[in-house]
Amino acid sequence: MEQRSAYDPAQEARLLAHRALLAEIIRLSAPDLRAALLGWLEDRSIPRDGQEDPGAVPSEVLVSALATADEYRRLRDRITERLSAMG
């Protein structure tokens, strides 16, 4: 199996493009749909594993959950920044 470096500029560019597209779609949505989508992102921006002991969750699972929650937060932040800039 080919090993990849931790940072892949092409993959990062694709991620940024997807984030921008999703943010724009949500920004252009009707206000009630936009509010629902922003709420959905907000709910998912904090990882919940149901464990009292963080050491009880395998590190690979935790890393994935944290990265996913971080991406939801970044998308939500990008949308709210664009909405604020619109006035």
C-alpha atoms as a PDB file:
ATOM      1  CA  MET A   1       0.000   0.000   0.000  1.00  0.00           C
ATOM      2  CA  GLU A   2       1.312   3.433  -0.929  1.00  0.00           C
ATOM      3  CA  GLN A   3       1.971   5.720   2.006  1.00  0.00           C
ATOM      4  CA  ARG A   4       0.866   9.314   1.668  1.00  0.00           C
ATOM      5  CA  SER A   5       2.328  12.287   3.402  1.00  0.00           C
ATOM      6  CA  ALA A   6       0.318  13.883   6.174  1.00  0.00           C
ATOM      7  CA  TYR A   7      -0.293  16.957   4.011  1.00  0.00           C
ATOM      8  CA  ASP A   8      -1.534  16.617   0.450  1.00  0.00           C
ATOM      9  CA  PRO A   9      -1.992  20.044  -1.235  1.00  0.00           C
ATOM     10  CA  ALA A  10      -4.293  18.646  -3.930  1.00  0.00           C
ATOM     11  CA  GLN A  11      -6.523  16.970  -1.370  1.00  0.00           C
ATOM     12  CA  GLU A  12      -6.593  20.156   0.705  1.00  0.00           C
ATOM     13  CA  ALA A  13      -7.605  22.178  -2.382  1.00  0.00           C
ATOM     14  CA  ARG A  14     -10.427  19.744  -3.137  1.00  0.00           C
ATOM     15  CA  LEU A  15     -11.635  19.952   0.451  1.00  0.00           C
ATOM     16  CA  LEU A  16     -11.609  23.755   0.335  1.00  0.00           C
ATOM     17  CA  ALA A  17     -13.547  23.738  -2.954  1.00  0.00           C
ATOM     18  CA  HIS A  18     -16.196  21.417  -1.506  1.00  0.00           C
ATOM     19  CA  ARG A  19     -16.436  23.521   1.639  1.00  0.00           C
ATOM     20  CA  ALA A  20     -16.882  26.705  -0.433  1.00  0.00           C
ATOM     21  CA  LEU A  21     -19.543  25.086  -2.632  1.00  0.00           C
ATOM     22  CA  LEU A  22     -21.512  23.746   0.336  1.00  0.00           C
ATOM     23  CA  ALA A  23     -21.287  27.091   2.110  1.00  0.00           C
ATOM     24  CA  GLU A  24     -22.583  28.909  -0.962  1.00  0.00           C
ATOM     25  CA  ILE A  25     -25.465  26.461  -1.466  1.00  0.00           C
ATOM     26  CA  ILE A  26     -26.517  26.883   2.152  1.00  0.00           C
ATOM     27  CA  ARG A  27     -26.077  30.666   2.017  1.00  0.00           C
ATOM     28  CA  LEU A  28     -28.345  30.870  -1.039  1.00  0.00           C
ATOM     29  CA  SER A  29     -30.994  28.626   0.535  1.00  0.00           C
ATOM     30  CA  ALA A  30     -34.301  29.887   1.861  1.00  0.00           C
ATOM     31  CA  PRO A  31     -33.950  31.283   5.404  1.00  0.00           C
ATOM     32  CA  ASP A  32     -35.842  28.416   7.079  1.00  0.00           C
ATOM     33  CA  LEU A  33     -33.791  25.763   5.275  1.00  0.00           C
ATOM     34  CA  ARG A  34     -30.575  27.693   6.001  1.00  0.00           C
ATOM     35  CA  ALA A  35     -31.439  27.859   9.710  1.00  0.00           C
ATOM     36  CA  ALA A  36     -32.159  24.123   9.788  1.00  0.00           C
ATOM     37  CA  LEU A  37     -28.878  23.302   8.031  1.00  0.00           C
ATOM     38  CA  LEU A  38     -26.878  25.604  10.307  1.00  0.00           C
ATOM     39  CA  GLY A  39     -28.514  23.951  13.315  1.00  0.00           C
ATOM     40  CA  TRP A  40     -27.621  20.541  11.909  1.00  0.00           C
ATOM     41  CA  LEU A  41     -23.989  21.623  11.503  1.00  0.00           C
ATOM     42  CA  GLU A  42     -23.966  23.110  15.007  1.00  0.00           C
ATOM     43  CA  ASP A  43     -25.265  19.862  16.510  1.00  0.00           C
ATOM     44  CA  ARG A  44     -22.494  17.922  14.809  1.00  0.00           C
ATOM     45  CA  SER A  45     -19.640  20.325  15.513  1.00  0.00           C
ATOM     46  CA  ILE A  46     -19.113  18.772  18.953  1.00  0.00           C
ATOM     47  CA  PRO A  47     -18.177  15.077  18.856  1.00  0.00           C
ATOM     48  CA  ARG A  48     -20.176  12.825  21.146  1.00  0.00           C
ATOM     49  CA  ASP A  49     -18.954   9.307  21.737  1.00  0.00           C
ATOM     50  CA  GLY A  50     -21.119   8.438  24.719  1.00  0.00           C
ATOM     51  CA  GLN A  51     -18.085   7.501  26.805  1.00  0.00           C
ATOM     52  CA  GLU A  52     -17.301   8.948  30.203  1.00  0.00           C
ATOM     53  CA  ASP A  53     -13.659   7.921  29.904  1.00  0.00           C
ATOM     54  CA  PRO A  54     -11.927   9.398  26.821  1.00  0.00           C
ATOM     55  CA  GLY A  55      -9.358   6.606  27.010  1.00  0.00           C
ATOM     56  CA  ALA A  56     -12.123   4.060  26.420  1.00  0.00           C
ATOM     57  CA  VAL A  57     -12.433   5.104  22.769  1.00  0.00           C
ATOM     58  CA  PRO A  58      -9.757   3.816  20.371  1.00  0.00           C
ATOM     59  CA  SER A  59      -7.555   6.678  19.208  1.00  0.00           C
ATOM     60  CA  GLU A  60      -8.305   6.100  15.493  1.00  0.00           C
ATOM     61  CA  VAL A  61     -12.020   6.451  16.171  1.00  0.00           C
ATOM     62  CA  LEU A  62     -11.475   9.553  18.265  1.00  0.00           C
ATOM     63  CA  VAL A  63      -9.251  11.184  15.630  1.00  0.00           C
ATOM     64  CA  SER A  64     -11.887  10.564  12.967  1.00  0.00           C
ATOM     65  CA  ALA A  65     -14.705  11.897  15.155  1.00  0.00           C
ATOM     66  CA  LEU A  66     -12.723  15.012  16.053  1.00  0.00           C
ATOM     67  CA  ALA A  67     -11.792  15.683  12.419  1.00  0.00           C
ATOM     68  CA  THR A  68     -15.407  15.269  11.314  1.00  0.00           C
ATOM     69  CA  ALA A  69     -16.684  17.596  14.028  1.00  0.00           C
ATOM     70  CA  ASP A  70     -13.984  20.124  13.137  1.00  0.00           C
ATOM     71  CA  GLU A  71     -15.039  20.069   9.484  1.00  0.00           C
ATOM     72  CA  TYR A  72     -18.676  20.675  10.423  1.00  0.00           C
ATOM     73  CA  ARG A  73     -17.555  23.599  12.615  1.00  0.00           C
ATOM     74  CA  ARG A  74     -15.415  25.077   9.835  1.00  0.00           C
ATOM     75  CA  LEU A  75     -18.271  24.847   7.361  1.00  0.00           C
ATOM     76  CA  ARG A  76     -20.707  26.448   9.814  1.00  0.00           C
ATOM     77  CA  ASP A  77     -18.214  29.228  10.558  1.00  0.00           C
ATOM     78  CA  ARG A  78     -17.627  29.914   6.865  1.00  0.00           C
ATOM     79  CA  ILE A  79     -21.360  30.206   6.220  1.00  0.00           C
ATOM     80  CA  THR A  80     -21.998  32.494   9.176  1.00  0.00           C
ATOM     81  CA  GLU A  81     -19.053  34.707   8.177  1.00  0.00           C
ATOM     82  CA  ARG A  82     -20.444  35.054   4.641  1.00  0.00           C
ATOM     83  CA  LEU A  83     -23.903  35.823   5.984  1.00  0.00           C
ATOM     84  CA  SER A  84     -22.476  38.476   8.320  1.00  0.00           C
ATOM     85  CA  ALA A  85     -20.539  40.053   5.457  1.00  0.00           C
ATOM     86  CA  MET A  86     -23.780  40.338   3.475  1.00  0.00           C
ATOM     87  CA  GLY A  87     -25.265  42.420   6.257  1.00  0.00           C
END
